[in-house]
């Protein structure tokens, strides 16, 4: 019963959020981490080769954490893995967190990122009681910028040459959303 209630609450028309499962890690690792260009553009940590031990993958979740919440994104119809989203840097004193999102290549361009952002906002604002969510993305990541704006995030600033991406610096955009501004659609 509990799983059904959670699934309904963190589900939209096309996608749902659920706890990361061990069987998700291999696909997330293969399609997101091993794509050097995508990973280098989407993470502040440098890409490094990881041995065939998937427990070392950044997508492996070995225990619950107070400062991060990891979700797998799945289709509502058949539960097919779509990508991953997370809240990280959860600060319970200041009631804020950062949002991360990565879609598997086959699911990009469908507009589902907006739905994912709305669901992770529901989790952050309603379930966790946070006051502020923010995300950073490269300034040339137009799909993410549009999705964040459609989900209610506001552009708050640009961090000039703050990201090292495959041999050069790139600008990043900071976007934020406050609980009183958020609408659960």
N, C-alpha and C. Protein backbone atom coordinates (compact mmCIF):
# COMPACT_ATOMS: atom_id res chain seq x y z
N UNK A 1 0.82 -1.19 0.00
CA UNK A 1 0.00 0.00 0.00
C UNK A 1 0.86 1.26 0.00
N UNK A 2 1.92 1.28 0.85
CA UNK A 2 2.79 2.44 0.94
C UNK A 2 3.42 2.74 -0.41
N UNK A 3 3.94 1.73 -1.10
CA UNK A 3 4.57 1.93 -2.40
C UNK A 3 3.60 2.50 -3.42
N UNK A 4 2.33 2.06 -3.36
CA UNK A 4 1.32 2.58 -4.27
C UNK A 4 1.07 4.06 -4.02
N UNK A 5 0.96 4.45 -2.75
CA UNK A 5 0.73 5.86 -2.42
C UNK A 5 1.91 6.72 -2.85
N UNK A 6 3.12 6.25 -2.59
CA UNK A 6 4.31 7.00 -3.00
C UNK A 6 4.35 7.11 -4.52
N UNK A 7 4.10 6.03 -5.21
CA UNK A 7 4.13 6.04 -6.67
C UNK A 7 3.09 7.00 -7.23
N UNK A 8 1.90 7.03 -6.65
CA UNK A 8 0.87 7.94 -7.14
C UNK A 8 1.26 9.39 -6.88
N UNK A 9 1.85 9.66 -5.72
CA UNK A 9 2.19 11.02 -5.35
C UNK A 9 3.35 11.56 -6.17
N UNK A 10 4.29 10.72 -6.53
CA UNK A 10 5.45 11.15 -7.29
C UNK A 10 5.36 10.70 -8.74
N UNK A 11 4.14 10.70 -9.28
CA UNK A 11 3.91 10.31 -10.66
C UNK A 11 3.20 11.43 -11.41
N UNK A 12 3.56 11.55 -12.68
CA UNK A 12 2.90 12.50 -13.55
C UNK A 12 2.21 11.75 -14.68
N UNK A 13 1.93 12.46 -15.74
CA UNK A 13 1.26 11.85 -16.88
C UNK A 13 2.16 10.84 -17.60
N UNK A 14 3.43 11.17 -17.77
CA UNK A 14 4.35 10.33 -18.54
C UNK A 14 5.38 9.60 -17.69
N UNK A 15 5.81 10.23 -16.59
CA UNK A 15 6.91 9.69 -15.80
C UNK A 15 6.58 9.68 -14.32
N UNK A 16 7.33 8.84 -13.60
CA UNK A 16 7.22 8.75 -12.14
C UNK A 16 8.63 8.69 -11.57
N UNK A 17 8.74 9.08 -10.31
CA UNK A 17 10.01 8.97 -9.59
C UNK A 17 9.89 7.82 -8.61
N UNK A 18 10.96 7.03 -8.54
CA UNK A 18 11.00 5.95 -7.54
C UNK A 18 12.42 5.82 -7.04
N UNK A 19 12.58 5.13 -5.94
CA UNK A 19 13.91 4.90 -5.39
C UNK A 19 14.78 4.19 -6.41
N UNK A 20 16.05 4.53 -6.42
CA UNK A 20 17.01 3.87 -7.31
C UNK A 20 17.09 2.40 -6.93
N UNK A 21 17.04 1.53 -7.92
CA UNK A 21 17.16 0.10 -7.70
C UNK A 21 18.46 -0.39 -8.31
N UNK A 22 18.96 -1.47 -7.77
CA UNK A 22 20.25 -2.01 -8.22
C UNK A 22 20.27 -2.26 -9.73
N UNK A 23 19.14 -2.73 -10.28
CA UNK A 23 19.13 -3.02 -11.73
C UNK A 23 19.16 -1.77 -12.60
N UNK A 24 18.93 -0.59 -12.02
CA UNK A 24 19.00 0.67 -12.78
C UNK A 24 20.45 1.09 -13.04
N UNK A 25 21.34 0.72 -12.15
CA UNK A 25 22.69 1.26 -12.15
C UNK A 25 23.45 0.95 -13.44
N UNK A 26 23.38 -0.28 -13.93
CA UNK A 26 24.14 -0.65 -15.14
C UNK A 26 23.72 0.20 -16.33
N UNK A 27 22.42 0.40 -16.51
CA UNK A 27 21.96 1.19 -17.66
C UNK A 27 22.29 2.67 -17.50
N UNK A 28 22.09 3.22 -16.32
CA UNK A 28 22.43 4.62 -16.09
C UNK A 28 23.93 4.84 -16.31
N UNK A 29 24.73 3.91 -15.79
CA UNK A 29 26.18 4.03 -15.94
C UNK A 29 26.59 3.96 -17.41
N UNK A 30 26.05 2.99 -18.13
CA UNK A 30 26.42 2.80 -19.54
C UNK A 30 25.99 3.98 -20.41
N UNK A 31 24.77 4.47 -20.19
CA UNK A 31 24.24 5.49 -21.10
C UNK A 31 24.51 6.92 -20.67
N UNK A 32 24.77 7.14 -19.39
CA UNK A 32 25.02 8.50 -18.93
C UNK A 32 26.48 8.72 -18.54
N UNK A 33 27.03 7.82 -17.74
CA UNK A 33 28.41 8.03 -17.29
C UNK A 33 29.41 7.77 -18.41
N UNK A 34 29.23 6.71 -19.14
CA UNK A 34 30.21 6.36 -20.18
C UNK A 34 30.11 7.25 -21.42
N UNK A 35 29.12 8.10 -21.49
CA UNK A 35 29.03 9.13 -22.53
C UNK A 35 29.86 10.31 -22.02
N UNK A 36 31.14 10.31 -22.37
CA UNK A 36 32.10 11.26 -21.83
C UNK A 36 31.67 12.71 -22.04
N UNK A 37 31.16 13.05 -23.20
CA UNK A 37 30.76 14.43 -23.49
C UNK A 37 29.60 14.85 -22.60
N UNK A 38 28.55 14.03 -22.57
CA UNK A 38 27.38 14.36 -21.75
C UNK A 38 27.76 14.45 -20.28
N UNK A 39 28.51 13.49 -19.80
CA UNK A 39 28.89 13.48 -18.38
C UNK A 39 29.75 14.70 -18.05
N UNK A 40 30.66 15.05 -18.92
CA UNK A 40 31.54 16.20 -18.67
C UNK A 40 30.76 17.51 -18.65
N UNK A 41 29.68 17.57 -19.42
CA UNK A 41 28.86 18.78 -19.45
C UNK A 41 27.85 18.83 -18.30
N UNK A 42 27.57 17.70 -17.67
CA UNK A 42 26.51 17.64 -16.69
C UNK A 42 26.95 17.44 -15.26
N UNK A 43 28.25 17.40 -14.99
CA UNK A 43 28.70 17.15 -13.64
C UNK A 43 29.93 18.00 -13.36
N UNK A 44 30.03 18.52 -12.16
CA UNK A 44 31.18 19.34 -11.80
C UNK A 44 32.41 18.50 -11.50
N UNK A 45 32.21 17.21 -11.28
CA UNK A 45 33.35 16.33 -11.00
C UNK A 45 33.93 15.83 -12.32
N UNK A 46 35.24 15.67 -12.37
CA UNK A 46 35.83 15.18 -13.63
C UNK A 46 35.46 13.72 -13.90
N UNK A 47 35.29 13.40 -15.17
CA UNK A 47 35.06 12.02 -15.56
C UNK A 47 36.34 11.25 -15.28
N UNK A 48 36.20 10.04 -14.81
CA UNK A 48 37.36 9.15 -14.61
C UNK A 48 36.92 7.74 -14.95
N UNK A 49 37.84 6.93 -15.43
CA UNK A 49 37.45 5.55 -15.74
C UNK A 49 37.13 4.79 -14.46
N UNK A 50 36.07 4.02 -14.52
CA UNK A 50 35.66 3.23 -13.37
C UNK A 50 35.72 1.75 -13.77
N UNK A 51 36.34 0.93 -12.93
CA UNK A 51 36.40 -0.51 -13.24
C UNK A 51 35.00 -1.11 -13.36
N UNK A 52 34.92 -2.33 -13.80
CA UNK A 52 33.64 -3.00 -14.03
C UNK A 52 32.83 -3.27 -12.77
N UNK A 53 33.24 -2.76 -11.65
CA UNK A 53 32.51 -2.92 -10.40
C UNK A 53 31.47 -1.81 -10.29
N UNK A 54 30.20 -2.12 -10.57
CA UNK A 54 29.14 -1.10 -10.58
C UNK A 54 28.87 -0.49 -9.22
N UNK A 55 29.38 -1.10 -8.16
CA UNK A 55 29.20 -0.48 -6.85
C UNK A 55 29.99 0.82 -6.75
N UNK A 56 30.95 1.03 -7.68
CA UNK A 56 31.74 2.25 -7.72
C UNK A 56 31.12 3.33 -8.60
N UNK A 57 30.05 2.99 -9.29
CA UNK A 57 29.39 3.95 -10.18
C UNK A 57 28.77 5.08 -9.37
N UNK A 58 28.80 6.31 -9.90
CA UNK A 58 28.12 7.41 -9.19
C UNK A 58 26.60 7.22 -9.14
N UNK A 59 26.05 6.27 -9.87
CA UNK A 59 24.62 6.00 -9.86
C UNK A 59 24.23 4.96 -8.82
N UNK A 60 25.22 4.30 -8.22
CA UNK A 60 24.94 3.31 -7.17
C UNK A 60 24.60 4.04 -5.88
N UNK A 61 23.52 3.62 -5.25
CA UNK A 61 23.11 4.20 -3.96
C UNK A 61 23.20 3.09 -2.94
N UNK A 62 24.13 3.21 -2.01
CA UNK A 62 24.33 2.12 -1.06
C UNK A 62 23.56 2.30 0.24
N UNK A 63 23.09 3.53 0.50
CA UNK A 63 22.30 3.75 1.72
C UNK A 63 21.56 5.08 1.61
N UNK A 64 20.56 5.23 2.44
CA UNK A 64 19.81 6.49 2.49
C UNK A 64 20.72 7.58 3.04
N UNK A 65 20.47 8.80 2.61
CA UNK A 65 21.30 9.92 3.02
C UNK A 65 20.41 11.09 3.42
N UNK A 66 20.84 11.83 4.44
CA UNK A 66 20.09 13.01 4.86
C UNK A 66 20.32 14.20 3.94
N UNK A 67 21.46 14.21 3.22
CA UNK A 67 21.76 15.38 2.40
C UNK A 67 21.58 15.15 0.90
N UNK A 68 21.01 14.01 0.53
CA UNK A 68 20.72 13.75 -0.89
C UNK A 68 19.56 12.76 -1.00
N UNK A 69 18.79 12.92 -2.07
CA UNK A 69 17.68 12.00 -2.36
C UNK A 69 17.79 11.63 -3.83
N UNK A 70 18.04 10.36 -4.10
CA UNK A 70 18.27 9.86 -5.45
C UNK A 70 17.02 9.16 -5.97
N UNK A 71 16.62 9.51 -7.19
CA UNK A 71 15.46 8.87 -7.81
C UNK A 71 15.82 8.35 -9.19
N UNK A 72 15.21 7.24 -9.56
CA UNK A 72 15.20 6.82 -10.95
C UNK A 72 13.91 7.35 -11.54
N UNK A 73 13.98 7.79 -12.78
CA UNK A 73 12.80 8.26 -13.51
C UNK A 73 12.34 7.09 -14.37
N UNK A 74 11.07 6.74 -14.28
CA UNK A 74 10.52 5.63 -15.06
C UNK A 74 9.24 6.08 -15.75
N UNK A 75 8.88 5.40 -16.83
CA UNK A 75 7.62 5.71 -17.49
C UNK A 75 6.47 5.24 -16.60
N UNK A 76 5.35 5.96 -16.66
CA UNK A 76 4.21 5.58 -15.84
C UNK A 76 3.54 4.31 -16.36
N UNK A 77 3.61 4.08 -17.65
CA UNK A 77 2.94 2.92 -18.23
C UNK A 77 3.59 1.61 -17.87
N UNK A 78 4.84 1.45 -18.23
CA UNK A 78 5.48 0.14 -18.05
C UNK A 78 6.71 0.16 -17.15
N UNK A 79 7.01 1.30 -16.55
CA UNK A 79 8.14 1.37 -15.62
C UNK A 79 9.50 1.34 -16.29
N UNK A 80 9.56 1.65 -17.60
CA UNK A 80 10.84 1.66 -18.30
C UNK A 80 11.72 2.80 -17.77
N UNK A 81 12.99 2.51 -17.56
CA UNK A 81 13.93 3.49 -17.04
C UNK A 81 14.14 4.62 -18.04
N UNK A 82 13.98 5.86 -17.58
CA UNK A 82 14.06 7.05 -18.43
C UNK A 82 15.29 7.88 -18.10
N UNK A 83 15.73 7.84 -16.84
CA UNK A 83 16.87 8.65 -16.42
C UNK A 83 16.95 8.72 -14.92
N UNK A 84 17.58 9.79 -14.44
CA UNK A 84 17.74 9.96 -13.00
C UNK A 84 17.58 11.42 -12.62
N UNK A 85 17.10 11.64 -11.41
CA UNK A 85 17.02 12.98 -10.85
C UNK A 85 17.36 12.87 -9.38
N UNK A 86 17.79 13.97 -8.81
CA UNK A 86 18.16 13.97 -7.41
C UNK A 86 18.06 15.35 -6.81
N UNK A 87 17.89 15.38 -5.52
CA UNK A 87 18.13 16.58 -4.74
C UNK A 87 19.43 16.32 -4.00
N UNK A 88 20.34 17.26 -4.04
CA UNK A 88 21.62 17.08 -3.36
C UNK A 88 21.98 18.38 -2.64
N UNK A 89 22.91 18.26 -1.72
CA UNK A 89 23.26 19.42 -0.91
C UNK A 89 22.08 19.89 -0.09
N UNK A 90 21.25 18.93 0.35
CA UNK A 90 20.07 19.29 1.14
C UNK A 90 20.54 19.90 2.46
N UNK A 91 20.12 21.12 2.68
CA UNK A 91 20.49 21.88 3.87
C UNK A 91 19.22 22.07 4.69
N UNK A 92 19.06 21.27 5.75
CA UNK A 92 17.82 21.31 6.52
C UNK A 92 17.70 22.56 7.38
N UNK A 93 18.81 23.19 7.71
CA UNK A 93 18.75 24.43 8.49
C UNK A 93 18.22 25.58 7.64
N UNK A 94 18.79 25.76 6.44
CA UNK A 94 18.37 26.84 5.55
C UNK A 94 17.24 26.42 4.62
N UNK A 95 16.89 25.12 4.67
CA UNK A 95 15.77 24.54 3.90
C UNK A 95 15.93 24.77 2.41
N UNK A 96 17.08 24.35 1.89
CA UNK A 96 17.35 24.47 0.46
C UNK A 96 18.08 23.23 -0.05
N UNK A 97 18.05 23.08 -1.37
CA UNK A 97 18.75 21.96 -2.02
C UNK A 97 18.95 22.30 -3.48
N UNK A 98 19.85 21.56 -4.10
CA UNK A 98 20.08 21.66 -5.54
C UNK A 98 19.43 20.49 -6.24
N UNK A 99 19.06 20.71 -7.49
CA UNK A 99 18.39 19.70 -8.31
C UNK A 99 19.32 19.23 -9.41
N UNK A 100 19.39 17.93 -9.62
CA UNK A 100 20.11 17.35 -10.75
C UNK A 100 19.15 16.51 -11.58
N UNK A 101 19.41 16.45 -12.87
CA UNK A 101 18.51 15.72 -13.78
C UNK A 101 19.31 15.26 -14.99
N UNK A 102 19.14 14.01 -15.37
CA UNK A 102 19.75 13.48 -16.59
C UNK A 102 18.80 12.46 -17.20
N UNK A 103 18.49 12.67 -18.47
CA UNK A 103 17.62 11.76 -19.21
C UNK A 103 18.48 10.85 -20.08
N UNK A 104 18.08 9.60 -20.20
CA UNK A 104 18.77 8.70 -21.14
C UNK A 104 18.56 9.23 -22.55
N UNK A 105 19.53 9.02 -23.44
CA UNK A 105 19.44 9.59 -24.80
C UNK A 105 18.12 9.30 -25.52
N UNK A 106 17.58 8.11 -25.40
CA UNK A 106 16.35 7.75 -26.12
C UNK A 106 15.13 8.55 -25.66
N UNK A 107 15.22 9.20 -24.50
CA UNK A 107 14.06 9.91 -23.95
C UNK A 107 14.22 11.43 -23.98
N UNK A 108 15.30 11.91 -24.54
CA UNK A 108 15.50 13.36 -24.62
C UNK A 108 14.62 13.94 -25.73
N UNK A 109 14.24 15.19 -25.57
CA UNK A 109 13.48 15.88 -26.60
C UNK A 109 11.98 15.63 -26.55
N UNK A 110 11.49 14.96 -25.55
CA UNK A 110 10.04 14.67 -25.45
C UNK A 110 9.30 15.67 -24.56
N UNK A 111 10.05 16.56 -23.91
CA UNK A 111 9.43 17.51 -23.00
C UNK A 111 9.17 16.95 -21.61
N UNK A 112 9.64 15.78 -21.32
CA UNK A 112 9.37 15.14 -20.04
C UNK A 112 10.20 15.74 -18.90
N UNK A 113 11.26 16.47 -19.21
CA UNK A 113 12.07 17.08 -18.15
C UNK A 113 11.25 18.04 -17.31
N UNK A 114 10.30 18.73 -17.93
CA UNK A 114 9.43 19.65 -17.18
C UNK A 114 8.64 18.86 -16.13
N UNK A 115 8.10 17.74 -16.54
CA UNK A 115 7.33 16.90 -15.62
C UNK A 115 8.21 16.38 -14.49
N UNK A 116 9.43 15.96 -14.82
CA UNK A 116 10.36 15.48 -13.79
C UNK A 116 10.67 16.60 -12.81
N UNK A 117 10.95 17.80 -13.32
CA UNK A 117 11.25 18.92 -12.42
C UNK A 117 10.07 19.22 -11.51
N UNK A 118 8.87 19.17 -12.04
CA UNK A 118 7.69 19.42 -11.20
C UNK A 118 7.55 18.36 -10.11
N UNK A 119 7.84 17.11 -10.45
CA UNK A 119 7.74 16.04 -9.46
C UNK A 119 8.81 16.16 -8.39
N UNK A 120 10.03 16.49 -8.78
CA UNK A 120 11.09 16.61 -7.79
C UNK A 120 10.86 17.86 -6.93
N UNK A 121 10.22 18.89 -7.49
CA UNK A 121 9.83 20.06 -6.68
C UNK A 121 8.76 19.66 -5.67
N UNK A 122 7.80 18.85 -6.09
CA UNK A 122 6.78 18.36 -5.16
C UNK A 122 7.44 17.62 -3.99
N UNK A 123 8.39 16.78 -4.32
CA UNK A 123 9.11 16.07 -3.27
C UNK A 123 9.84 17.05 -2.35
N UNK A 124 10.57 17.99 -2.94
CA UNK A 124 11.36 18.93 -2.15
C UNK A 124 10.51 19.86 -1.30
N UNK A 125 9.49 20.44 -1.89
CA UNK A 125 8.69 21.43 -1.16
C UNK A 125 7.66 20.80 -0.23
N UNK A 126 6.97 19.76 -0.68
CA UNK A 126 5.88 19.20 0.11
C UNK A 126 6.37 18.11 1.06
N UNK A 127 7.13 17.17 0.55
CA UNK A 127 7.56 16.05 1.39
C UNK A 127 8.68 16.48 2.34
N UNK A 128 9.69 17.19 1.81
CA UNK A 128 10.85 17.57 2.63
C UNK A 128 10.69 18.93 3.32
N UNK A 129 9.72 19.74 2.91
CA UNK A 129 9.51 21.03 3.55
C UNK A 129 10.58 22.06 3.25
N UNK A 130 11.22 21.93 2.09
CA UNK A 130 12.27 22.89 1.72
C UNK A 130 11.63 24.20 1.28
N UNK A 131 12.43 25.26 1.32
CA UNK A 131 11.96 26.58 0.92
C UNK A 131 12.52 27.01 -0.43
N UNK A 132 13.70 26.51 -0.79
CA UNK A 132 14.35 26.94 -2.03
C UNK A 132 14.99 25.74 -2.72
N UNK A 133 14.74 25.65 -4.03
CA UNK A 133 15.44 24.68 -4.87
C UNK A 133 16.17 25.45 -5.94
N UNK A 134 17.34 24.99 -6.29
CA UNK A 134 18.09 25.64 -7.35
C UNK A 134 18.75 24.61 -8.24
N UNK A 135 19.07 25.05 -9.45
CA UNK A 135 19.82 24.20 -10.36
C UNK A 135 20.81 25.05 -11.12
N UNK A 136 21.86 24.40 -11.55
CA UNK A 136 22.85 25.03 -12.42
C UNK A 136 22.95 24.21 -13.68
N UNK A 137 23.06 24.90 -14.79
CA UNK A 137 23.26 24.22 -16.07
C UNK A 137 24.14 25.10 -16.94
N UNK A 138 24.77 24.52 -17.92
CA UNK A 138 25.59 25.31 -18.82
C UNK A 138 24.71 26.29 -19.59
N UNK A 139 25.25 27.45 -19.87
CA UNK A 139 24.46 28.50 -20.50
C UNK A 139 24.01 28.15 -21.92
N UNK A 140 24.64 27.16 -22.55
CA UNK A 140 24.21 26.76 -23.89
C UNK A 140 23.27 25.55 -23.86
N UNK A 141 22.86 25.12 -22.67
CA UNK A 141 21.95 23.98 -22.54
C UNK A 141 20.50 24.48 -22.63
N UNK A 142 20.12 24.90 -23.83
CA UNK A 142 18.80 25.48 -24.05
C UNK A 142 17.64 24.57 -23.63
N UNK A 143 17.69 23.26 -23.92
CA UNK A 143 16.57 22.41 -23.48
C UNK A 143 16.36 22.44 -21.96
N UNK A 144 17.45 22.41 -21.20
CA UNK A 144 17.31 22.44 -19.74
C UNK A 144 16.84 23.81 -19.27
N UNK A 145 17.35 24.88 -19.85
CA UNK A 145 16.92 26.22 -19.48
C UNK A 145 15.42 26.40 -19.72
N UNK A 146 14.94 25.93 -20.88
CA UNK A 146 13.50 26.03 -21.19
C UNK A 146 12.67 25.18 -20.24
N UNK A 147 13.13 23.96 -19.97
CA UNK A 147 12.38 23.07 -19.08
C UNK A 147 12.29 23.68 -17.68
N UNK A 148 13.39 24.21 -17.18
CA UNK A 148 13.39 24.80 -15.84
C UNK A 148 12.44 26.00 -15.78
N UNK A 149 12.47 26.84 -16.80
CA UNK A 149 11.57 27.99 -16.83
C UNK A 149 10.11 27.54 -16.88
N UNK A 150 9.81 26.52 -17.67
CA UNK A 150 8.43 26.02 -17.75
C UNK A 150 7.98 25.41 -16.42
N UNK A 151 8.94 24.90 -15.64
CA UNK A 151 8.61 24.33 -14.33
C UNK A 151 8.54 25.39 -13.24
N UNK A 152 8.83 26.66 -13.59
CA UNK A 152 8.70 27.76 -12.63
C UNK A 152 10.00 28.35 -12.13
N UNK A 153 11.14 27.76 -12.49
CA UNK A 153 12.42 28.30 -12.04
C UNK A 153 12.70 29.63 -12.73
N UNK A 154 13.37 30.52 -12.00
CA UNK A 154 13.78 31.81 -12.54
C UNK A 154 15.29 31.86 -12.71
N UNK A 155 15.71 32.49 -13.78
CA UNK A 155 17.14 32.70 -13.99
C UNK A 155 17.60 33.74 -12.97
N UNK A 156 18.61 33.36 -12.18
CA UNK A 156 19.09 34.26 -11.13
C UNK A 156 20.46 34.85 -11.42
N UNK A 157 21.20 34.21 -12.29
CA UNK A 157 22.52 34.75 -12.58
C UNK A 157 23.32 33.83 -13.48
N UNK A 158 24.43 34.36 -13.95
CA UNK A 158 25.34 33.59 -14.79
C UNK A 158 26.71 33.57 -14.12
N UNK A 159 27.27 32.40 -14.05
CA UNK A 159 28.60 32.22 -13.49
C UNK A 159 29.57 32.12 -14.66
N UNK A 160 30.29 33.20 -14.89
CA UNK A 160 31.16 33.25 -16.06
C UNK A 160 32.33 32.28 -15.91
N UNK A 161 32.54 31.49 -16.95
CA UNK A 161 33.65 30.54 -17.05
C UNK A 161 33.85 29.72 -15.77
N UNK A 162 32.75 29.23 -15.23
CA UNK A 162 32.81 28.49 -13.96
C UNK A 162 32.89 26.99 -14.14
N UNK A 163 32.70 26.50 -15.35
CA UNK A 163 32.68 25.04 -15.58
C UNK A 163 33.80 24.66 -16.55
N UNK A 164 34.58 23.69 -16.17
CA UNK A 164 35.62 23.15 -17.03
C UNK A 164 35.01 22.01 -17.82
N UNK A 165 34.92 22.17 -19.14
CA UNK A 165 34.26 21.17 -19.98
C UNK A 165 35.18 20.81 -21.14
N UNK A 166 35.77 19.64 -21.05
CA UNK A 166 36.57 19.07 -22.13
C UNK A 166 37.55 20.07 -22.75
N UNK A 167 38.38 20.65 -21.91
CA UNK A 167 39.47 21.50 -22.39
C UNK A 167 39.18 22.98 -22.47
N UNK A 168 38.05 23.41 -21.99
CA UNK A 168 37.75 24.85 -22.00
C UNK A 168 36.74 25.20 -20.93
N UNK A 169 36.69 26.47 -20.61
CA UNK A 169 35.75 26.95 -19.62
C UNK A 169 34.43 27.33 -20.28
N UNK A 170 33.34 27.10 -19.57
CA UNK A 170 32.01 27.44 -20.05
C UNK A 170 31.26 28.18 -18.95
N UNK A 171 30.32 29.01 -19.37
CA UNK A 171 29.48 29.73 -18.42
C UNK A 171 28.36 28.82 -17.94
N UNK A 172 27.94 29.04 -16.71
CA UNK A 172 26.81 28.31 -16.15
C UNK A 172 25.74 29.30 -15.72
N UNK A 173 24.50 28.85 -15.76
CA UNK A 173 23.37 29.66 -15.33
C UNK A 173 22.82 29.05 -14.04
N UNK A 174 22.53 29.92 -13.07
CA UNK A 174 21.90 29.51 -11.82
C UNK A 174 20.42 29.88 -11.91
N UNK A 175 19.58 28.91 -11.61
CA UNK A 175 18.14 29.13 -11.62
C UNK A 175 17.59 28.70 -10.27
N UNK A 176 16.60 29.43 -9.78
CA UNK A 176 16.04 29.11 -8.47
C UNK A 176 14.52 29.17 -8.47
N UNK A 177 13.96 28.46 -7.50
CA UNK A 177 12.51 28.45 -7.30
C UNK A 177 12.26 28.40 -5.80
N UNK A 178 11.40 29.31 -5.32
CA UNK A 178 11.03 29.36 -3.91
C UNK A 178 9.68 28.70 -3.70
N UNK A 179 9.50 28.11 -2.54
CA UNK A 179 8.25 27.41 -2.24
C UNK A 179 7.01 28.29 -2.48
N UNK A 180 7.00 29.57 -2.07
CA UNK A 180 5.79 30.37 -2.32
C UNK A 180 5.52 30.63 -3.80
N UNK A 181 6.54 30.51 -4.65
CA UNK A 181 6.36 30.74 -6.09
C UNK A 181 5.91 29.48 -6.82
N UNK A 182 6.11 28.33 -6.18
CA UNK A 182 5.87 27.03 -6.82
C UNK A 182 4.39 26.75 -6.92
N UNK A 183 4.00 26.21 -8.08
CA UNK A 183 2.63 25.75 -8.27
C UNK A 183 2.67 24.28 -8.61
N UNK A 184 1.92 23.48 -7.87
CA UNK A 184 1.86 22.04 -8.12
C UNK A 184 0.81 21.78 -9.18
N UNK A 185 1.27 21.63 -10.42
CA UNK A 185 0.34 21.43 -11.53
C UNK A 185 0.21 19.98 -11.89
